[in-house]
């Protein structure tokens, strides 16, 4: 994946996914595409993000929220032989905010 060369890309983490879009003209089309994916509960744009105190200079232009029976994976590779070197070292149980 080359995020810098992509017109749009998502950074996913379980129930939410930030969607970064290079050209503002593409935001509406990307939002429509994501809203039609099974498992998506909501796609928030700048206004919804602001109302919910989620808009930040480093957040995506859109944020997708998974429905109750779905979640987003951070895996962007389809072949484990092509997984990045960090793939086996991410310890989700030690990240900030995780509680048992």
PDB file of N, CA and C in Angstrom:
ATOM      1  N   UNK A   1       0.841  -1.168   0.000  1.00  0.00           N
ATOM      2  CA  UNK A   1       0.000   0.000   0.000  1.00  0.00           C
ATOM      3  C   UNK A   1       0.895   1.242   0.000  1.00  0.00           C
ATOM      4  N   UNK A   2       0.533   2.184  -0.831  1.00  0.00           N
ATOM      5  CA  UNK A   2       1.245   3.458  -0.865  1.00  0.00           C
ATOM      6  C   UNK A   2       0.222   4.549  -0.575  1.00  0.00           C
ATOM      7  N   UNK A   3       0.041   4.857   0.716  1.00  0.00           N
ATOM      8  CA  UNK A   3      -0.996   5.813   1.117  1.00  0.00           C
ATOM      9  C   UNK A   3      -0.785   7.175   0.466  1.00  0.00           C
ATOM     10  N   UNK A   4       0.437   7.596   0.329  1.00  0.00           N
ATOM     11  CA  UNK A   4       0.717   8.894  -0.259  1.00  0.00           C
ATOM     12  C   UNK A   4       0.330   9.000  -1.722  1.00  0.00           C
ATOM     13  N   UNK A   5       0.319   7.886  -2.423  1.00  0.00           N
ATOM     14  CA  UNK A   5      -0.050   7.880  -3.838  1.00  0.00           C
ATOM     15  C   UNK A   5      -1.536   7.589  -4.041  1.00  0.00           C
ATOM     16  N   UNK A   6      -2.223   7.238  -2.986  1.00  0.00           N
ATOM     17  CA  UNK A   6      -3.639   6.872  -3.084  1.00  0.00           C
ATOM     18  C   UNK A   6      -4.535   8.101  -3.093  1.00  0.00           C
ATOM     19  N   UNK A   7      -5.610   8.035  -3.876  1.00  0.00           N
ATOM     20  CA  UNK A   7      -6.589   9.129  -3.860  1.00  0.00           C
ATOM     21  C   UNK A   7      -7.347   9.135  -2.549  1.00  0.00           C
ATOM     22  N   UNK A   8      -7.531   7.942  -1.979  1.00  0.00           N
ATOM     23  CA  UNK A   8      -8.191   7.803  -0.677  1.00  0.00           C
ATOM     24  C   UNK A   8      -7.670   6.531  -0.026  1.00  0.00           C
ATOM     25  N   UNK A   9      -7.554   6.552   1.289  1.00  0.00           N
ATOM     26  CA  UNK A   9      -7.167   5.351   2.022  1.00  0.00           C
ATOM     27  C   UNK A   9      -7.753   5.425   3.422  1.00  0.00           C
ATOM     28  N   UNK A  10      -7.875   4.271   4.065  1.00  0.00           N
ATOM     29  CA  UNK A  10      -8.471   4.201   5.402  1.00  0.00           C
ATOM     30  C   UNK A  10      -7.446   3.692   6.402  1.00  0.00           C
ATOM     31  N   UNK A  11      -7.521   4.244   7.602  1.00  0.00           N
ATOM     32  CA  UNK A  11      -6.747   3.738   8.737  1.00  0.00           C
ATOM     33  C   UNK A  11      -7.781   3.180   9.707  1.00  0.00           C
ATOM     34  N   UNK A  12      -7.803   1.872   9.825  1.00  0.00           N
ATOM     35  CA  UNK A  12      -8.855   1.188  10.567  1.00  0.00           C
ATOM     36  C   UNK A  12      -8.388   0.740  11.938  1.00  0.00           C
ATOM     37  N   UNK A  13      -9.322   0.769  12.884  1.00  0.00           N
ATOM     38  CA  UNK A  13      -9.051   0.253  14.224  1.00  0.00           C
ATOM     39  C   UNK A  13     -10.359  -0.201  14.846  1.00  0.00           C
ATOM     40  N   UNK A  14     -10.692  -1.448  14.640  1.00  0.00           N
ATOM     41  CA  UNK A  14     -11.859  -2.104  15.215  1.00  0.00           C
ATOM     42  C   UNK A  14     -13.186  -1.458  14.820  1.00  0.00           C
ATOM     43  N   UNK A  15     -13.761  -0.591  15.621  1.00  0.00           N
ATOM     44  CA  UNK A  15     -15.106  -0.059  15.345  1.00  0.00           C
ATOM     45  C   UNK A  15     -15.120   1.183  14.473  1.00  0.00           C
ATOM     46  N   UNK A  16     -13.986   1.838  14.315  1.00  0.00           N
ATOM     47  CA  UNK A  16     -13.948   3.039  13.479  1.00  0.00           C
ATOM     48  C   UNK A  16     -12.841   2.931  12.447  1.00  0.00           C
ATOM     49  N   UNK A  17     -12.980   3.756  11.425  1.00  0.00           N
ATOM     50  CA  UNK A  17     -11.958   3.844  10.400  1.00  0.00           C
ATOM     51  C   UNK A  17     -11.899   5.289   9.904  1.00  0.00           C
ATOM     52  N   UNK A  18     -10.728   5.901   9.998  1.00  0.00           N
ATOM     53  CA  UNK A  18     -10.531   7.240   9.444  1.00  0.00           C
ATOM     54  C   UNK A  18     -10.263   7.087   7.955  1.00  0.00           C
ATOM     55  N   UNK A  19     -10.969   7.861   7.139  1.00  0.00           N
ATOM     56  CA  UNK A  19     -10.755   7.826   5.699  1.00  0.00           C
ATOM     57  C   UNK A  19     -10.147   9.161   5.285  1.00  0.00           C
ATOM     58  N   UNK A  20      -8.949   9.075   4.723  1.00  0.00           N
ATOM     59  CA  UNK A  20      -8.210  10.253   4.275  1.00  0.00           C
ATOM     60  C   UNK A  20      -8.368  10.362   2.758  1.00  0.00           C
ATOM     61  N   UNK A  21      -8.729  11.544   2.288  1.00  0.00           N
ATOM     62  CA  UNK A  21      -9.022  11.758   0.877  1.00  0.00           C
ATOM     63  C   UNK A  21      -8.169  12.923   0.379  1.00  0.00           C
ATOM     64  N   UNK A  22      -7.399  12.656  -0.673  1.00  0.00           N
ATOM     65  CA  UNK A  22      -6.450  13.645  -1.179  1.00  0.00           C
ATOM     66  C   UNK A  22      -7.137  14.889  -1.752  1.00  0.00           C
ATOM     67  N   UNK A  23      -8.162  14.697  -2.578  1.00  0.00           N
ATOM     68  CA  UNK A  23      -8.829  15.809  -3.251  1.00  0.00           C
ATOM     69  C   UNK A  23     -10.226  16.003  -2.669  1.00  0.00           C
ATOM     70  N   UNK A  24     -10.508  17.179  -2.148  1.00  0.00           N
ATOM     71  CA  UNK A  24     -11.813  17.453  -1.525  1.00  0.00           C
ATOM     72  C   UNK A  24     -12.976  17.169  -2.464  1.00  0.00           C
ATOM     73  N   UNK A  25     -12.748  17.249  -3.777  1.00  0.00           N
ATOM     74  CA  UNK A  25     -13.812  16.972  -4.747  1.00  0.00           C
ATOM     75  C   UNK A  25     -14.266  15.515  -4.678  1.00  0.00           C
ATOM     76  N   UNK A  26     -13.444  14.633  -4.133  1.00  0.00           N
ATOM     77  CA  UNK A  26     -13.766  13.207  -4.062  1.00  0.00           C
ATOM     78  C   UNK A  26     -14.516  12.814  -2.791  1.00  0.00           C
ATOM     79  N   UNK A  27     -14.629  13.716  -1.816  1.00  0.00           N
ATOM     80  CA  UNK A  27     -15.213  13.365  -0.519  1.00  0.00           C
ATOM     81  C   UNK A  27     -16.638  12.827  -0.664  1.00  0.00           C
ATOM     82  N   UNK A  28     -17.482  13.505  -1.404  1.00  0.00           N
ATOM     83  CA  UNK A  28     -18.874  13.083  -1.548  1.00  0.00           C
ATOM     84  C   UNK A  28     -18.968  11.688  -2.167  1.00  0.00           C
ATOM     85  N   UNK A  29     -18.203  11.435  -3.223  1.00  0.00           N
ATOM     86  CA  UNK A  29     -18.239  10.133  -3.903  1.00  0.00           C
ATOM     87  C   UNK A  29     -17.720   9.025  -2.982  1.00  0.00           C
ATOM     88  N   UNK A  30     -16.632   9.290  -2.274  1.00  0.00           N
ATOM     89  CA  UNK A  30     -16.083   8.289  -1.350  1.00  0.00           C
ATOM     90  C   UNK A  30     -17.095   7.993  -0.250  1.00  0.00           C
ATOM     91  N   UNK A  31     -17.737   9.029   0.282  1.00  0.00           N
ATOM     92  CA  UNK A  31     -18.743   8.829   1.334  1.00  0.00           C
ATOM     93  C   UNK A  31     -19.877   7.949   0.827  1.00  0.00           C
ATOM     94  N   UNK A  32     -20.369   8.218  -0.379  1.00  0.00           N
ATOM     95  CA  UNK A  32     -21.448   7.414  -0.959  1.00  0.00           C
ATOM     96  C   UNK A  32     -21.024   5.958  -1.132  1.00  0.00           C
ATOM     97  N   UNK A  33     -19.794   5.734  -1.586  1.00  0.00           N
ATOM     98  CA  UNK A  33     -19.298   4.371  -1.761  1.00  0.00           C
ATOM     99  C   UNK A  33     -19.239   3.621  -0.430  1.00  0.00           C
ATOM    100  N   UNK A  34     -18.714   4.276   0.599  1.00  0.00           N
ATOM    101  CA  UNK A  34     -18.550   3.635   1.904  1.00  0.00           C
ATOM    102  C   UNK A  34     -19.904   3.376   2.563  1.00  0.00           C
ATOM    103  N   UNK A  35     -20.839   4.308   2.405  1.00  0.00           N
ATOM    104  CA  UNK A  35     -22.169   4.130   2.999  1.00  0.00           C
ATOM    105  C   UNK A  35     -22.887   2.896   2.460  1.00  0.00           C
ATOM    106  N   UNK A  36     -22.505   2.442   1.289  1.00  0.00           N
ATOM    107  CA  UNK A  36     -23.164   1.291   0.670  1.00  0.00           C
ATOM    108  C   UNK A  36     -22.465  -0.038   0.943  1.00  0.00           C
ATOM    109  N   UNK A  37     -21.493  -0.043   1.822  1.00  0.00           N
ATOM    110  CA  UNK A  37     -20.796  -1.279   2.189  1.00  0.00           C
ATOM    111  C   UNK A  37     -21.534  -1.933   3.345  1.00  0.00           C
ATOM    112  N   UNK A  38     -21.811  -3.215   3.210  1.00  0.00           N
ATOM    113  CA  UNK A  38     -22.459  -3.958   4.291  1.00  0.00           C
ATOM    114  C   UNK A  38     -21.582  -3.908   5.541  1.00  0.00           C
ATOM    115  N   UNK A  39     -22.195  -3.669   6.694  1.00  0.00           N
ATOM    116  CA  UNK A  39     -21.462  -3.620   7.956  1.00  0.00           C
ATOM    117  C   UNK A  39     -21.132  -2.215   8.415  1.00  0.00           C
ATOM    118  N   UNK A  40     -21.425  -1.223   7.588  1.00  0.00           N
ATOM    119  CA  UNK A  40     -21.179   0.168   7.962  1.00  0.00           C
ATOM    120  C   UNK A  40     -22.440   0.733   8.610  1.00  0.00           C
ATOM    121  N   UNK A  41     -22.295   1.237   9.812  1.00  0.00           N
ATOM    122  CA  UNK A  41     -23.420   1.852  10.522  1.00  0.00           C
ATOM    123  C   UNK A  41     -23.590   3.306  10.121  1.00  0.00           C
ATOM    124  N   UNK A  42     -22.465   4.035  10.029  1.00  0.00           N
ATOM    125  CA  UNK A  42     -22.521   5.473   9.793  1.00  0.00           C
ATOM    126  C   UNK A  42     -21.212   5.936   9.179  1.00  0.00           C
ATOM    127  N   UNK A  43     -21.305   6.948   8.327  1.00  0.00           N
ATOM    128  CA  UNK A  43     -20.117   7.624   7.805  1.00  0.00           C
ATOM    129  C   UNK A  43     -20.268   9.099   8.144  1.00  0.00           C
ATOM    130  N   UNK A  44     -19.349   9.601   8.948  1.00  0.00           N
ATOM    131  CA  UNK A  44     -19.414  10.996   9.379  1.00  0.00           C
ATOM    132  C   UNK A  44     -18.461  11.863   8.561  1.00  0.00           C
ATOM    133  N   UNK A  45     -18.970  13.018   8.157  1.00  0.00           N
ATOM    134  CA  UNK A  45     -18.146  14.022   7.494  1.00  0.00           C
ATOM    135  C   UNK A  45     -17.716  15.069   8.498  1.00  0.00           C
ATOM    136  N   UNK A  46     -17.146  16.152   8.004  1.00  0.00           N
ATOM    137  CA  UNK A  46     -16.599  17.187   8.886  1.00  0.00           C
ATOM    138  C   UNK A  46     -17.635  17.720   9.869  1.00  0.00           C
ATOM    139  N   UNK A  47     -18.863  17.958   9.412  1.00  0.00           N
ATOM    140  CA  UNK A  47     -19.886  18.508  10.306  1.00  0.00           C
ATOM    141  C   UNK A  47     -20.214  17.554  11.445  1.00  0.00           C
ATOM    142  N   UNK A  48     -20.454  16.275  11.110  1.00  0.00           N
ATOM    143  CA  UNK A  48     -20.775  15.283  12.153  1.00  0.00           C
ATOM    144  C   UNK A  48     -19.593  15.061  13.094  1.00  0.00           C
ATOM    145  N   UNK A  49     -18.391  15.055  12.530  1.00  0.00           N
ATOM    146  CA  UNK A  49     -17.198  14.892  13.370  1.00  0.00           C
ATOM    147  C   UNK A  49     -17.067  16.065  14.344  1.00  0.00           C
ATOM    148  N   UNK A  50     -17.320  17.270  13.862  1.00  0.00           N
ATOM    149  CA  UNK A  50     -17.233  18.453  14.725  1.00  0.00           C
ATOM    150  C   UNK A  50     -18.275  18.414  15.837  1.00  0.00           C
ATOM    151  N   UNK A  51     -19.515  18.085  15.487  1.00  0.00           N
ATOM    152  CA  UNK A  51     -20.596  18.015  16.475  1.00  0.00           C
ATOM    153  C   UNK A  51     -20.263  17.017  17.583  1.00  0.00           C
ATOM    154  N   UNK A  52     -19.604  15.920  17.209  1.00  0.00           N
ATOM    155  CA  UNK A  52     -19.277  14.865  18.167  1.00  0.00           C
ATOM    156  C   UNK A  52     -17.871  15.015  18.763  1.00  0.00           C
ATOM    157  N   UNK A  53     -17.257  16.181  18.569  1.00  0.00           N
ATOM    158  CA  UNK A  53     -15.927  16.486  19.099  1.00  0.00           C
ATOM    159  C   UNK A  53     -14.871  15.497  18.624  1.00  0.00           C
ATOM    160  N   UNK A  54     -14.996  15.043  17.382  1.00  0.00           N
ATOM    161  CA  UNK A  54     -14.059  14.081  16.815  1.00  0.00           C
ATOM    162  C   UNK A  54     -13.211  14.675  15.696  1.00  0.00           C
ATOM    163  N   UNK A  55     -13.527  15.897  15.280  1.00  0.00           N
ATOM    164  CA  UNK A  55     -12.771  16.517  14.192  1.00  0.00           C
ATOM    165  C   UNK A  55     -11.452  17.030  14.731  1.00  0.00           C
ATOM    166  N   UNK A  56     -10.377  16.653  14.083  1.00  0.00           N
ATOM    167  CA  UNK A  56      -9.031  17.023  14.507  1.00  0.00           C
ATOM    168  C   UNK A  56      -8.181  17.193  13.258  1.00  0.00           C
ATOM    169  N   UNK A  57      -7.142  17.975  13.334  1.00  0.00           N
ATOM    170  CA  UNK A  57      -6.302  18.218  12.165  1.00  0.00           C
ATOM    171  C   UNK A  57      -5.686  16.939  11.599  1.00  0.00           C
ATOM    172  N   UNK A  58      -5.563  15.897  12.422  1.00  0.00           N
ATOM    173  CA  UNK A  58      -4.985  14.636  11.941  1.00  0.00           C
ATOM    174  C   UNK A  58      -6.035  13.572  11.655  1.00  0.00           C
ATOM    175  N   UNK A  59      -7.308  13.903  11.886  1.00  0.00           N
ATOM    176  CA  UNK A  59      -8.348  12.912  11.584  1.00  0.00           C
ATOM    177  C   UNK A  59      -8.604  12.894  10.084  1.00  0.00           C
ATOM    178  N   UNK A  60      -9.239  11.823   9.633  1.00  0.00           N
ATOM    179  CA  UNK A  60      -9.588  11.742   8.229  1.00  0.00           C
ATOM    180  C   UNK A  60     -10.709  12.710   7.891  1.00  0.00           C
ATOM    181  N   UNK A  61     -10.914  12.922   6.604  1.00  0.00           N
ATOM    182  CA  UNK A  61     -12.015  13.774   6.176  1.00  0.00           C
ATOM    183  C   UNK A  61     -13.358  13.096   6.453  1.00  0.00           C
ATOM    184  N   UNK A  62     -13.330  11.778   6.528  1.00  0.00           N
ATOM    185  CA  UNK A  62     -14.517  10.992   6.878  1.00  0.00           C
ATOM    186  C   UNK A  62     -14.141  10.002   7.969  1.00  0.00           C
ATOM    187  N   UNK A  63     -15.132   9.579   8.730  1.00  0.00           N
ATOM    188  CA  UNK A  63     -14.936   8.501   9.695  1.00  0.00           C
ATOM    189  C   UNK A  63     -16.084   7.519   9.526  1.00  0.00           C
ATOM    190  N   UNK A  64     -15.735   6.273   9.263  1.00  0.00           N
ATOM    191  CA  UNK A  64     -16.742   5.221   9.156  1.00  0.00           C
ATOM    192  C   UNK A  64     -16.850   4.521  10.502  1.00  0.00           C
ATOM    193  N   UNK A  65     -18.078   4.196  10.876  1.00  0.00           N
ATOM    194  CA  UNK A  65     -18.353   3.482  12.117  1.00  0.00           C
ATOM    195  C   UNK A  65     -19.000   2.158  11.738  1.00  0.00           C
ATOM    196  N   UNK A  66     -18.467   1.070  12.258  1.00  0.00           N
ATOM    197  CA  UNK A  66     -19.006  -0.258  11.963  1.00  0.00           C
ATOM    198  C   UNK A  66     -20.306  -0.482  12.727  1.00  0.00           C
ATOM    199  N   UNK A  67     -21.150  -1.340  12.175  1.00  0.00           N
ATOM    200  CA  UNK A  67     -22.373  -1.676  12.903  1.00  0.00           C
ATOM    201  C   UNK A  67     -22.051  -2.648  14.039  1.00  0.00           C
ATOM    202  N   UNK A  68     -23.053  -3.009  14.829  1.00  0.00           N
ATOM    203  CA  UNK A  68     -22.838  -3.834  16.026  1.00  0.00           C
ATOM    204  C   UNK A  68     -22.265  -5.211  15.734  1.00  0.00           C
ATOM    205  N   UNK A  69     -22.452  -5.722  14.535  1.00  0.00           N
ATOM    206  CA  UNK A  69     -21.999  -7.071  14.201  1.00  0.00           C
ATOM    207  C   UNK A  69     -20.777  -7.075  13.293  1.00  0.00           C
ATOM    208  N   UNK A  70     -20.100  -5.942  13.169  1.00  0.00           N
ATOM    209  CA  UNK A  70     -18.960  -5.829  12.260  1.00  0.00           C
ATOM    210  C   UNK A  70     -17.802  -5.103  12.937  1.00  0.00           C
ATOM    211  N   UNK A  71     -16.636  -5.183  12.306  1.00  0.00           N
ATOM    212  CA  UNK A  71     -15.489  -4.424  12.760  1.00  0.00           C
ATOM    213  C   UNK A  71     -14.520  -4.286  11.611  1.00  0.00           C
ATOM    214  N   UNK A  72     -13.620  -3.314  11.723  1.00  0.00           N
ATOM    215  CA  UNK A  72     -12.610  -3.050  10.704  1.00  0.00           C
ATOM    216  C   UNK A  72     -11.301  -3.701  11.120  1.00  0.00           C
ATOM    217  N   UNK A  73     -10.622  -4.297  10.174  1.00  0.00           N
ATOM    218  CA  UNK A  73      -9.300  -4.841  10.436  1.00  0.00           C
ATOM    219  C   UNK A  73      -8.254  -3.895   9.875  1.00  0.00           C
ATOM    220  N   UNK A  74      -7.095  -3.866  10.495  1.00  0.00           N
ATOM    221  CA  UNK A  74      -6.027  -3.023   9.979  1.00  0.00           C
ATOM    222  C   UNK A  74      -5.221  -3.742   8.907  1.00  0.00           C
ATOM    223  N   UNK A  75      -5.474  -5.035   8.685  1.00  0.00           N
ATOM    224  CA  UNK A  75      -4.739  -5.783   7.660  1.00  0.00           C
ATOM    225  C   UNK A  75      -5.070  -5.212   6.289  1.00  0.00           C
ATOM    226  N   UNK A  76      -4.088  -4.773   5.564  1.00  0.00           N
ATOM    227  CA  UNK A  76      -4.291  -4.297   4.205  1.00  0.00           C
ATOM    228  C   UNK A  76      -3.632  -5.233   3.199  1.00  0.00           C
ATOM    229  N   UNK A  77      -3.110  -6.348   3.673  1.00  0.00           N
ATOM    230  CA  UNK A  77      -2.471  -7.321   2.803  1.00  0.00           C
ATOM    231  C   UNK A  77      -3.358  -8.556   2.711  1.00  0.00           C
ATOM    232  N   UNK A  78      -3.295  -9.210   1.575  1.00  0.00           N
ATOM    233  CA  UNK A  78      -4.108 -10.403   1.359  1.00  0.00           C
ATOM    234  C   UNK A  78      -3.288 -11.682   1.505  1.00  0.00           C
ATOM    235  N   UNK A  79      -1.988 -11.578   1.391  1.00  0.00           N
ATOM    236  CA  UNK A  79      -1.091 -12.730   1.469  1.00  0.00           C
ATOM    237  C   UNK A  79      -0.176 -12.537   2.677  1.00  0.00           C
ATOM    238  N   UNK A  80      -0.205 -13.467   3.639  1.00  0.00           N
ATOM    239  CA  UNK A  80       0.622 -13.334   4.842  1.00  0.00           C
ATOM    240  C   UNK A  80       2.109 -13.243   4.527  1.00  0.00           C
ATOM    241  N   UNK A  81       2.523 -13.774   3.388  1.00  0.00           N
ATOM    242  CA  UNK A  81       3.932 -13.667   2.988  1.00  0.00           C
ATOM    243  C   UNK A  81       4.309 -12.238   2.608  1.00  0.00           C
ATOM    244  N   UNK A  82       3.309 -11.396   2.381  1.00  0.00           N
ATOM    245  CA  UNK A  82       3.557 -10.001   2.021  1.00  0.00           C
ATOM    246  C   UNK A  82       3.205  -9.042   3.165  1.00  0.00           C
ATOM    247  N   UNK A  83       2.955  -9.598   4.338  1.00  0.00           N
ATOM    248  CA  UNK A  83       2.621  -8.769   5.502  1.00  0.00           C
ATOM    249  C   UNK A  83       3.826  -7.921   5.901  1.00  0.00           C
ATOM    250  N   UNK A  84       3.598  -6.716   6.425  1.00  0.00           N
ATOM    251  CA  UNK A  84       4.726  -5.877   6.872  1.00  0.00           C
ATOM    252  C   UNK A  84       5.407  -6.498   8.093  1.00  0.00           C
ATOM    253  N   UNK A  85       6.624  -6.068   8.346  1.00  0.00           N
ATOM    254  CA  UNK A  85       7.395  -6.665   9.441  1.00  0.00           C
ATOM    255  C   UNK A  85       6.757  -6.474  10.805  1.00  0.00           C
ATOM    256  N   UNK A  86       5.923  -5.463  10.990  1.00  0.00           N
ATOM    257  CA  UNK A  86       5.293  -5.225  12.287  1.00  0.00           C
ATOM    258  C   UNK A  86       4.039  -6.073  12.522  1.00  0.00           C
ATOM    259  N   UNK A  87       3.580  -6.789  11.520  1.00  0.00           N
ATOM    260  CA  UNK A  87       2.297  -7.496  11.603  1.00  0.00           C
ATOM    261  C   UNK A  87       2.206  -8.451  12.790  1.00  0.00           C
ATOM    262  N   UNK A  88       3.292  -9.103  13.115  1.00  0.00           N
ATOM    263  CA  UNK A  88       3.266 -10.081  14.212  1.00  0.00           C
ATOM    264  C   UNK A  88       3.696  -9.480  15.550  1.00  0.00           C
ATOM    265  N   UNK A  89       3.951  -8.181  15.571  1.00  0.00           N
ATOM    266  CA  UNK A  89       4.432  -7.568  16.812  1.00  0.00           C
ATOM    267  C   UNK A  89       3.449  -6.591  17.435  1.00  0.00           C
ATOM    268  N   UNK A  90       2.300  -6.381  16.796  1.00  0.00           N
ATOM    269  CA  UNK A  90       1.297  -5.468  17.346  1.00  0.00           C
ATOM    270  C   UNK A  90       0.609  -6.171  18.509  1.00  0.00           C
ATOM    271  N   UNK A  91       0.726  -5.609  19.692  1.00  0.00           N
ATOM    272  CA  UNK A  91       0.125  -6.198  20.888  1.00  0.00           C
ATOM    273  C   UNK A  91      -1.056  -5.330  21.293  1.00  0.00           C
ATOM    274  N   UNK A  92      -2.252  -5.687  20.807  1.00  0.00           N
ATOM    275  CA  UNK A  92      -3.433  -4.859  21.055  1.00  0.00           C
ATOM    276  C   UNK A  92      -3.802  -4.792  22.525  1.00  0.00           C
ATOM    277  N   UNK A  93      -3.319  -5.734  23.314  1.00  0.00           N
ATOM    278  CA  UNK A  93      -3.673  -5.746  24.730  1.00  0.00           C
ATOM    279  C   UNK A  93      -2.786  -4.839  25.571  1.00  0.00           C
ATOM    280  N   UNK A  94      -1.821  -4.207  24.947  1.00  0.00           N
ATOM    281  CA  UNK A  94      -0.940  -3.292  25.678  1.00  0.00           C
ATOM    282  C   UNK A  94      -1.006  -1.872  25.137  1.00  0.00           C
ATOM    283  N   UNK A  95      -1.952  -1.619  24.276  1.00  0.00           N
ATOM    284  CA  UNK A  95      -2.043  -0.257  23.742  1.00  0.00           C
ATOM    285  C   UNK A  95      -2.786   0.630  24.733  1.00  0.00           C
ATOM    286  N   UNK A  96      -2.537   1.929  24.680  1.00  0.00           N
ATOM    287  CA  UNK A  96      -3.217   2.851  25.613  1.00  0.00           C
ATOM    288  C   UNK A  96      -4.736   2.730  25.506  1.00  0.00           C
ATOM    289  N   UNK A  97      -5.394   2.721  26.628  1.00  0.00           N
ATOM    290  CA  UNK A  97      -6.851   2.673  26.651  1.00  0.00           C
ATOM    291  C   UNK A  97      -7.425   1.281  26.742  1.00  0.00           C
ATOM    292  N   UNK A  98      -6.598   0.256  26.597  1.00  0.00           N
ATOM    293  CA  UNK A  98      -7.123  -1.105  26.675  1.00  0.00           C
ATOM    294  C   UNK A  98      -7.276  -1.519  28.141  1.00  0.00           C
ATOM    295  N   UNK A  99      -8.404  -2.027  28.473  1.00  0.00           N
ATOM    296  CA  UNK A  99      -8.635  -2.517  29.841  1.00  0.00           C
ATOM    297  C   UNK A  99      -9.253  -3.900  29.772  1.00  0.00           C
ATOM    298  N   UNK A 100      -8.871  -4.739  30.660  1.00  0.00           N
ATOM    299  CA  UNK A 100      -9.448  -6.100  30.680  1.00  0.00           C
ATOM    300  C   UNK A 100     -10.711  -6.128  31.480  1.00  0.00           C
TER     301      UNK A 100
END
